[in-house]
Amino acid sequence: MRIDFSIDRLSGGGAERVMVTVANALAEHHEVRLITFNNGDQYSVSDNVRRIKLHEGSIKNHKLRSIVNLFRFYKKQGPKPDILISFMPPNGFIAIIVGLLLKINVIVSEHINHTFNRKSNKDIFIQKYLYRFAGFITVLTSYDVEYYTKMGAKVVVMPNPISVPDRTKPFEEREKTILLVGSLDRYHQKGFDAFLPAVAPILKEHPDWTLRILGGGSIGLPYLQNIAQGLGIENHIKFEGFCPNVFEIMQNSQIFVLPSRHEGLPMGLMEALSNGMSCVAYDCVSGPSELIEHRSNGLLVENQNPEAMQENLKLLLENESLRLDLATRAPESMKKFSLSEIISKWETLFKELSTD
């Protein structure tokens, strides 16, 4: 089967990481191409995946240029794919239009819950009026199924896949590190701006612990650095930038925090659990509650309650037994999201689409 993936660029985000992971896995049994419309490759694709870069063109409007480039590519270079999978609404718009013109089966994959209040009017228009023309819309959790079904779309829950390590580094050999992961330019969504004041007194009280923040962002970095300086904790924080070796860092860290205001199904939290970290997360709308059973494999905190976050994080730092217990049970809880399980779900979806 010929399967194409399309996305704006392979920048350092969770949706991009998921796309590369799924494309690499499917390329073992299918003919796979990964198409981008702008520069920004921060993830490496398998040698089995053919990279197509449709970045050129004189048309100023990005979406129109991308539609034209993709249409011309299929018409002149081909062959057309059996299925075109696009991530997120703007790229879904491009894929659906080209799919309708050339009679290509299209799947659009959503990676944030529908209540996320920073969605643009353009995104809402695409979802409301164009998603019904896609073969399927995939969502990360059941929370979003009814919303898109009411728009006339065919909706399937497709969780993010993760690679669950065969073994994790012994906890006693790990550094006393609190880890945050995410794009710094999305500091509001990720809750980094509100987390720093919450964690400041804990870092001052426990100077043997370090907060490491993994993620790039030219706008968010100086903003968060200024907050840290104002709180007097700049020497307790390491801003690492974009890190391709996230798993290695997680295996050498003890605590992971997800302070997000909004999520879909957070990859960072899934990876932290699979790598045997002791995790604490705000119970934001969709995501964390589907991954964490409170005090079983992690800690769930009342959404956006900084006092509760402080209390639970301090508990983890001061209770080594609890830290170890949560971290020990975390990897097993993630096996249902293993790459092999999720790829099997994709294969089932392809069969259903081809028989419609």
Protein backbone atom coordinates (compact mmCIF):
# COMPACT_ATOMS: atom_id res chain seq x y z
CA MET A 1 0.00 0.00 0.00
CA ARG A 2 1.22 3.53 -0.80
CA ILE A 3 0.83 5.83 2.20
CA ASP A 4 1.74 9.52 2.26
CA PHE A 5 2.04 11.72 5.35
CA SER A 6 1.85 15.51 5.10
CA ILE A 7 2.64 18.20 7.64
CA ASP A 8 3.82 21.81 7.49
CA ARG A 9 7.32 21.09 8.78
CA LEU A 10 9.18 18.67 11.03
CA SER A 11 9.77 21.15 13.82
CA GLY A 12 10.23 20.08 17.41
CA GLY A 13 6.64 19.38 18.43
CA GLY A 14 4.77 16.35 19.71
CA ALA A 15 2.56 15.94 16.62
CA GLU A 16 5.65 15.96 14.40
CA ARG A 17 7.34 13.34 16.58
CA VAL A 18 4.25 11.13 16.40
CA MET A 19 4.06 11.44 12.62
CA VAL A 20 7.70 10.42 12.18
CA THR A 21 7.30 7.50 14.58
CA VAL A 22 4.21 6.16 12.78
CA ALA A 23 5.69 6.74 9.31
CA ASN A 24 8.91 4.93 10.23
CA ALA A 25 6.98 1.94 11.58
CA LEU A 26 4.59 1.68 8.63
CA ALA A 27 7.51 1.91 6.17
CA GLU A 28 8.56 -1.58 7.23
CA HIS A 29 5.55 -3.00 5.39
CA HIS A 30 4.33 -0.22 3.07
CA GLU A 31 5.63 2.33 0.58
CA VAL A 32 5.72 5.51 2.66
CA ARG A 33 6.48 9.14 1.79
CA LEU A 34 6.60 12.08 4.20
CA ILE A 35 5.76 15.45 2.65
CA THR A 36 6.49 18.88 4.14
CA PHE A 37 5.67 22.37 2.87
CA ASN A 38 8.25 24.41 4.80
CA ASN A 39 11.82 24.06 6.08
CA GLY A 40 12.49 22.90 9.63
CA ASP A 41 13.62 19.28 9.94
CA GLN A 42 14.37 18.42 13.57
CA TYR A 43 13.40 14.76 13.41
CA SER A 44 15.14 12.06 11.40
CA VAL A 45 13.05 9.71 9.30
CA SER A 46 13.89 6.13 8.45
CA ASP A 47 15.81 5.38 5.25
CA ASN A 48 12.69 3.44 4.25
CA VAL A 49 10.65 6.65 4.21
CA ARG A 50 10.97 8.85 1.14
CA ARG A 51 11.16 12.56 2.06
CA ILE A 52 9.36 14.98 -0.26
CA LYS A 53 9.98 18.70 0.30
CA LEU A 54 7.44 20.91 -1.50
CA HIS A 55 8.86 24.15 -0.14
CA GLU A 56 9.23 26.27 -3.26
CA GLY A 57 6.81 28.43 -5.23
CA SER A 58 5.96 32.04 -6.05
CA ILE A 59 2.43 32.01 -4.58
CA LYS A 60 2.49 34.11 -1.42
CA ASN A 61 -0.47 32.48 0.33
CA HIS A 62 0.95 29.45 2.14
CA LYS A 63 -2.11 27.21 1.97
CA LEU A 64 -2.77 27.95 -1.70
CA ARG A 65 0.90 27.40 -2.57
CA SER A 66 0.90 24.10 -0.68
CA ILE A 67 -2.28 22.92 -2.42
CA VAL A 68 -0.82 23.76 -5.82
CA ASN A 69 2.53 22.13 -5.00
CA LEU A 70 0.91 18.93 -3.73
CA PHE A 71 -1.52 18.76 -6.67
CA ARG A 72 1.30 19.23 -9.18
CA PHE A 73 3.46 16.67 -7.43
CA TYR A 74 0.79 14.01 -7.72
CA LYS A 75 -0.11 14.93 -11.30
CA LYS A 76 3.45 15.19 -12.65
CA GLN A 77 5.58 12.94 -10.46
CA GLY A 78 3.14 10.54 -8.85
CA PRO A 79 2.10 7.96 -8.26
CA LYS A 80 -0.86 9.03 -6.15
CA PRO A 81 -1.00 7.38 -2.72
CA ASP A 82 -3.71 4.98 -1.66
CA ILE A 83 -4.04 7.02 1.55
CA LEU A 84 -2.92 10.54 2.47
CA ILE A 85 -2.57 11.17 6.22
CA SER A 86 -2.34 14.78 7.38
CA PHE A 87 -1.80 16.11 10.90
CA MET A 88 -3.74 19.12 12.28
CA PRO A 89 -6.43 21.34 10.66
CA PRO A 90 -4.34 23.61 8.37
CA ASN A 91 -2.62 20.62 6.78
CA GLY A 92 -5.91 18.76 6.79
CA PHE A 93 -7.37 21.56 4.67
CA ILE A 94 -4.60 21.08 2.10
CA ALA A 95 -4.97 17.31 2.07
CA ILE A 96 -8.77 17.30 1.82
CA ILE A 97 -8.82 19.75 -1.11
CA VAL A 98 -6.20 17.78 -3.04
CA GLY A 99 -7.88 14.52 -2.06
CA LEU A 100 -11.23 15.68 -3.45
CA LEU A 101 -9.62 16.88 -6.69
CA LEU A 102 -7.64 13.69 -7.28
CA LYS A 103 -9.91 11.15 -5.53
CA ILE A 104 -7.40 10.22 -2.82
CA ASN A 105 -8.50 8.75 0.54
CA VAL A 106 -7.61 11.25 3.27
CA ILE A 107 -7.20 10.81 7.02
CA VAL A 108 -6.78 13.92 9.19
CA SER A 109 -5.21 13.42 12.61
CA GLU A 110 -6.08 15.84 15.44
CA HIS A 111 -3.59 16.30 18.29
CA ILE A 112 -5.26 18.68 20.72
CA ASN A 113 -8.65 18.48 22.38
CA HIS A 114 -11.45 20.49 20.78
CA THR A 115 -11.93 22.81 23.76
CA PHE A 116 -8.46 24.33 23.37
CA ASN A 117 -9.39 28.01 23.42
CA ARG A 118 -6.57 29.21 21.19
CA LYS A 119 -7.89 27.49 18.09
CA SER A 120 -8.15 30.00 15.26
CA ASN A 121 -11.37 30.78 13.42
CA LYS A 122 -9.73 29.23 10.35
CA ASP A 123 -9.20 25.94 12.18
CA ILE A 124 -12.82 25.90 13.34
CA PHE A 125 -14.03 26.60 9.80
CA ILE A 126 -11.92 23.73 8.43
CA GLN A 127 -13.23 21.34 11.07
CA LYS A 128 -16.85 22.38 10.68
CA TYR A 129 -17.11 22.43 6.89
CA LEU A 130 -14.33 20.23 5.50
CA TYR A 131 -13.71 17.38 7.94
CA ARG A 132 -16.86 15.62 6.69
CA PHE A 133 -15.09 15.10 3.35
CA ALA A 134 -12.19 13.18 4.89
CA GLY A 135 -12.27 9.40 5.03
CA PHE A 136 -11.63 9.54 8.78
CA ILE A 137 -10.71 12.03 11.48
CA THR A 138 -8.54 10.52 14.20
CA VAL A 139 -8.63 11.96 17.72
CA LEU A 140 -6.49 11.13 20.72
CA THR A 141 -9.23 10.39 23.25
CA SER A 142 -12.94 9.59 23.39
CA TYR A 143 -13.49 13.11 24.76
CA ASP A 144 -13.49 14.50 21.21
CA VAL A 145 -15.56 11.88 19.37
CA GLU A 146 -19.00 13.44 19.81
CA TYR A 147 -17.77 16.94 18.89
CA TYR A 148 -16.48 15.91 15.45
CA THR A 149 -19.25 13.38 14.83
CA LYS A 150 -21.80 16.20 15.12
CA MET A 151 -19.95 17.92 12.26
CA GLY A 152 -20.61 14.95 10.01
CA ALA A 153 -17.11 13.49 10.27
CA LYS A 154 -16.24 9.82 10.66
CA VAL A 155 -14.23 9.74 13.88
CA VAL A 156 -11.86 7.13 15.29
CA VAL A 157 -9.85 7.25 18.53
CA MET A 158 -6.16 6.82 17.70
CA PRO A 159 -3.83 7.32 20.68
CA ASN A 160 -0.25 8.42 20.29
CA PRO A 161 2.21 5.52 20.13
CA ILE A 162 5.25 5.29 22.34
CA SER A 163 8.27 3.05 22.52
CA VAL A 164 8.24 1.30 25.89
CA PRO A 165 11.86 0.44 26.79
CA ASP A 166 12.72 -3.16 27.61
CA ARG A 167 14.43 -1.93 30.75
CA THR A 168 14.77 1.31 32.67
CA LYS A 169 17.77 2.69 34.52
CA PRO A 170 17.72 1.89 38.24
CA PHE A 171 16.10 4.75 40.11
CA GLU A 172 18.90 5.09 42.64
CA GLU A 173 21.35 5.79 39.79
CA ARG A 174 19.33 8.73 38.45
CA GLU A 175 19.98 12.40 39.09
CA LYS A 176 17.75 14.50 41.32
CA THR A 177 16.10 16.19 38.39
CA ILE A 178 12.60 17.60 37.86
CA LEU A 179 11.83 17.55 34.15
CA LEU A 180 9.54 19.64 31.95
CA VAL A 181 9.21 18.97 28.22
CA GLY A 182 7.57 21.11 25.54
CA SER A 183 7.89 24.02 23.15
CA LEU A 184 8.83 27.14 25.09
CA ASP A 185 6.89 29.30 22.64
CA ARG A 186 3.75 27.48 23.81
CA TYR A 187 4.53 28.30 27.44
CA HIS A 188 0.94 29.35 28.17
CA GLN A 189 -0.62 26.11 26.91
CA LYS A 190 2.11 24.07 28.58
CA GLY A 191 1.69 26.02 31.83
CA PHE A 192 5.41 26.72 32.20
CA ASP A 193 4.79 30.38 33.09
CA ALA A 194 2.55 29.46 36.05
CA PHE A 195 4.65 26.49 37.15
CA LEU A 196 7.83 28.48 37.80
CA PRO A 197 6.32 30.52 40.69
CA ALA A 198 4.86 27.29 42.11
CA VAL A 199 8.16 25.40 42.03
CA ALA A 200 10.37 28.31 43.14
CA PRO A 201 10.05 27.80 46.93
CA ILE A 202 10.55 24.04 46.51
CA LEU A 203 13.80 24.53 44.58
CA LYS A 204 15.06 26.97 47.20
CA GLU A 205 14.17 24.55 49.99
CA HIS A 206 15.76 21.60 48.16
CA PRO A 207 18.91 22.99 46.48
CA ASP A 208 20.12 19.47 45.66
CA TRP A 209 17.35 19.23 43.04
CA THR A 210 17.51 20.81 39.56
CA LEU A 211 14.71 21.77 37.18
CA ARG A 212 15.54 20.93 33.55
CA ILE A 213 13.31 22.27 30.78
CA LEU A 214 13.60 20.58 27.37
CA GLY A 215 12.25 22.48 24.38
CA GLY A 216 13.15 25.23 21.96
CA GLY A 217 11.51 28.59 21.44
CA SER A 218 12.98 31.98 20.57
CA ILE A 219 10.05 33.88 22.13
CA GLY A 220 9.40 31.70 25.16
CA LEU A 221 13.00 31.28 26.27
CA PRO A 222 13.72 34.91 27.26
CA TYR A 223 10.23 35.25 28.73
CA LEU A 224 10.67 32.26 31.02
CA GLN A 225 14.25 33.22 31.85
CA ASN A 226 12.99 36.61 33.03
CA ILE A 227 10.41 34.93 35.26
CA ALA A 228 13.10 32.66 36.73
CA GLN A 229 15.39 35.63 37.40
CA GLY A 230 12.57 37.54 39.05
CA LEU A 231 11.93 34.57 41.33
CA GLY A 232 15.64 34.17 42.11
CA ILE A 233 15.79 30.58 40.85
CA GLU A 234 17.79 31.04 37.65
CA ASN A 235 20.66 29.01 39.13
CA HIS A 236 18.30 26.11 39.87
CA ILE A 237 17.02 25.81 36.27
CA LYS A 238 18.65 24.52 33.09
CA PHE A 239 17.03 25.50 29.79
CA GLU A 240 18.29 22.74 27.50
CA GLY A 241 16.69 23.76 24.18
CA PHE A 242 15.39 21.18 21.74
CA CYS A 243 16.72 17.73 22.69
CA PRO A 244 16.40 14.77 20.31
CA ASN A 245 17.64 12.40 23.05
CA VAL A 246 14.60 12.85 25.31
CA PHE A 247 14.50 9.17 26.31
CA GLU A 248 18.12 9.23 27.47
CA ILE A 249 17.49 12.29 29.62
CA MET A 250 14.29 10.79 31.07
CA GLN A 251 16.14 7.60 32.00
CA ASN A 252 18.56 9.73 33.99
CA SER A 253 15.87 11.85 35.73
CA GLN A 254 13.50 11.07 38.60
CA ILE A 255 10.46 13.39 38.44
CA PHE A 256 8.39 14.57 35.48
CA VAL A 257 5.83 17.38 35.75
CA LEU A 258 3.01 18.18 33.32
CA PRO A 259 1.60 21.60 34.30
CA SER A 260 -0.37 22.07 31.05
CA ARG A 261 -3.55 24.10 30.79
CA HIS A 262 -4.63 22.14 27.71
CA GLU A 263 -3.59 18.83 26.16
CA GLY A 264 -4.71 16.14 23.77
CA LEU A 265 -2.88 13.00 24.86
CA PRO A 266 0.46 14.36 26.09
CA MET A 267 3.44 12.61 24.53
CA GLY A 268 5.87 13.95 27.11
CA LEU A 269 3.88 12.44 29.96
CA MET A 270 3.48 9.12 28.12
CA GLU A 271 7.21 8.93 27.47
CA ALA A 272 8.06 9.86 31.05
CA LEU A 273 5.81 7.10 32.38
CA SER A 274 7.23 4.56 29.93
CA ASN A 275 10.77 5.50 31.00
CA GLY A 276 10.05 4.85 34.66
CA MET A 277 9.78 8.41 35.95
CA SER A 278 7.73 9.50 38.92
CA CYS A 279 5.09 11.75 37.35
CA VAL A 280 2.78 14.48 38.60
CA ALA A 281 0.28 16.23 36.30
CA TYR A 282 -2.53 18.71 36.42
CA ASP A 283 -5.83 16.97 35.66
CA CYS A 284 -6.47 19.22 32.66
CA VAL A 285 -9.27 18.54 30.18
CA SER A 286 -8.46 15.29 28.33
CA GLY A 287 -5.19 13.43 28.53
CA PRO A 288 -3.62 13.05 31.98
CA SER A 289 -6.58 11.25 33.58
CA GLU A 290 -6.45 8.65 30.78
CA LEU A 291 -2.79 7.97 31.56
CA ILE A 292 -2.48 8.33 35.33
CA GLU A 293 -4.32 6.50 38.07
CA HIS A 294 -3.74 8.69 41.11
CA ARG A 295 -1.19 7.21 43.55
CA SER A 296 -0.92 4.07 41.45
CA ASN A 297 1.38 5.05 38.58
CA GLY A 298 1.55 8.82 39.18
CA LEU A 299 -0.09 11.79 40.88
CA LEU A 300 -3.04 13.78 39.49
CA VAL A 301 -3.46 17.32 40.78
CA GLU A 302 -6.57 19.51 40.69
CA ASN A 303 -6.34 21.45 37.43
CA GLN A 304 -4.40 24.72 37.71
CA ASN A 305 -4.27 24.66 41.51
CA PRO A 306 -0.70 25.82 42.26
CA GLU A 307 -0.99 25.08 45.98
CA ALA A 308 -2.00 21.48 45.22
CA MET A 309 0.86 21.20 42.72
CA GLN A 310 3.32 22.44 45.34
CA GLU A 311 1.99 19.99 47.91
CA ASN A 312 2.20 16.96 45.59
CA LEU A 313 5.58 17.88 44.12
CA LYS A 314 7.03 18.46 47.58
CA LEU A 315 5.62 15.09 48.63
CA LEU A 316 7.53 13.40 45.80
CA LEU A 317 10.78 15.13 46.65
CA GLU A 318 10.58 14.25 50.32
CA ASN A 319 9.15 10.72 50.05
CA GLU A 320 11.69 8.56 48.26
CA SER A 321 9.62 5.42 48.79
CA LEU A 322 6.61 6.94 47.02
CA ARG A 323 8.79 8.20 44.17
CA LEU A 324 10.22 4.75 43.62
CA ASP A 325 6.85 3.02 43.93
CA LEU A 326 5.17 5.23 41.32
CA ALA A 327 8.13 5.01 38.95
CA THR A 328 8.24 1.21 39.22
CA ARG A 329 4.60 0.81 38.17
CA ALA A 330 4.61 3.47 35.46
CA PRO A 331 6.11 1.55 32.47
CA GLU A 332 3.67 -1.37 32.70
CA SER A 333 0.73 1.06 32.55
CA MET A 334 1.93 2.34 29.16
CA LYS A 335 2.14 -0.97 27.31
CA LYS A 336 -1.34 -0.52 25.82
CA PHE A 337 0.11 2.49 23.98
CA SER A 338 3.11 0.60 22.64
CA LEU A 339 4.09 1.22 19.03
CA SER A 340 3.05 -2.26 17.91
CA GLU A 341 -0.42 -1.86 19.44
CA ILE A 342 -1.04 1.53 17.80
CA ILE A 343 0.34 0.47 14.41
CA SER A 344 -2.11 -2.43 14.50
CA LYS A 345 -4.92 0.11 15.00
CA TRP A 346 -3.69 2.11 11.99
CA GLU A 347 -3.61 -1.03 9.85
CA THR A 348 -7.20 -1.84 10.84
CA LEU A 349 -8.23 1.71 9.92
CA PHE A 350 -6.59 1.39 6.48
CA LYS A 351 -8.51 -1.81 5.79
CA GLU A 352 -11.78 -0.18 6.81
CA LEU A 353 -11.08 2.84 4.60
CA SER A 354 -10.20 0.71 1.56
CA THR A 355 -13.46 -1.25 1.83
CA ASP A 356 -15.75 1.80 2.11
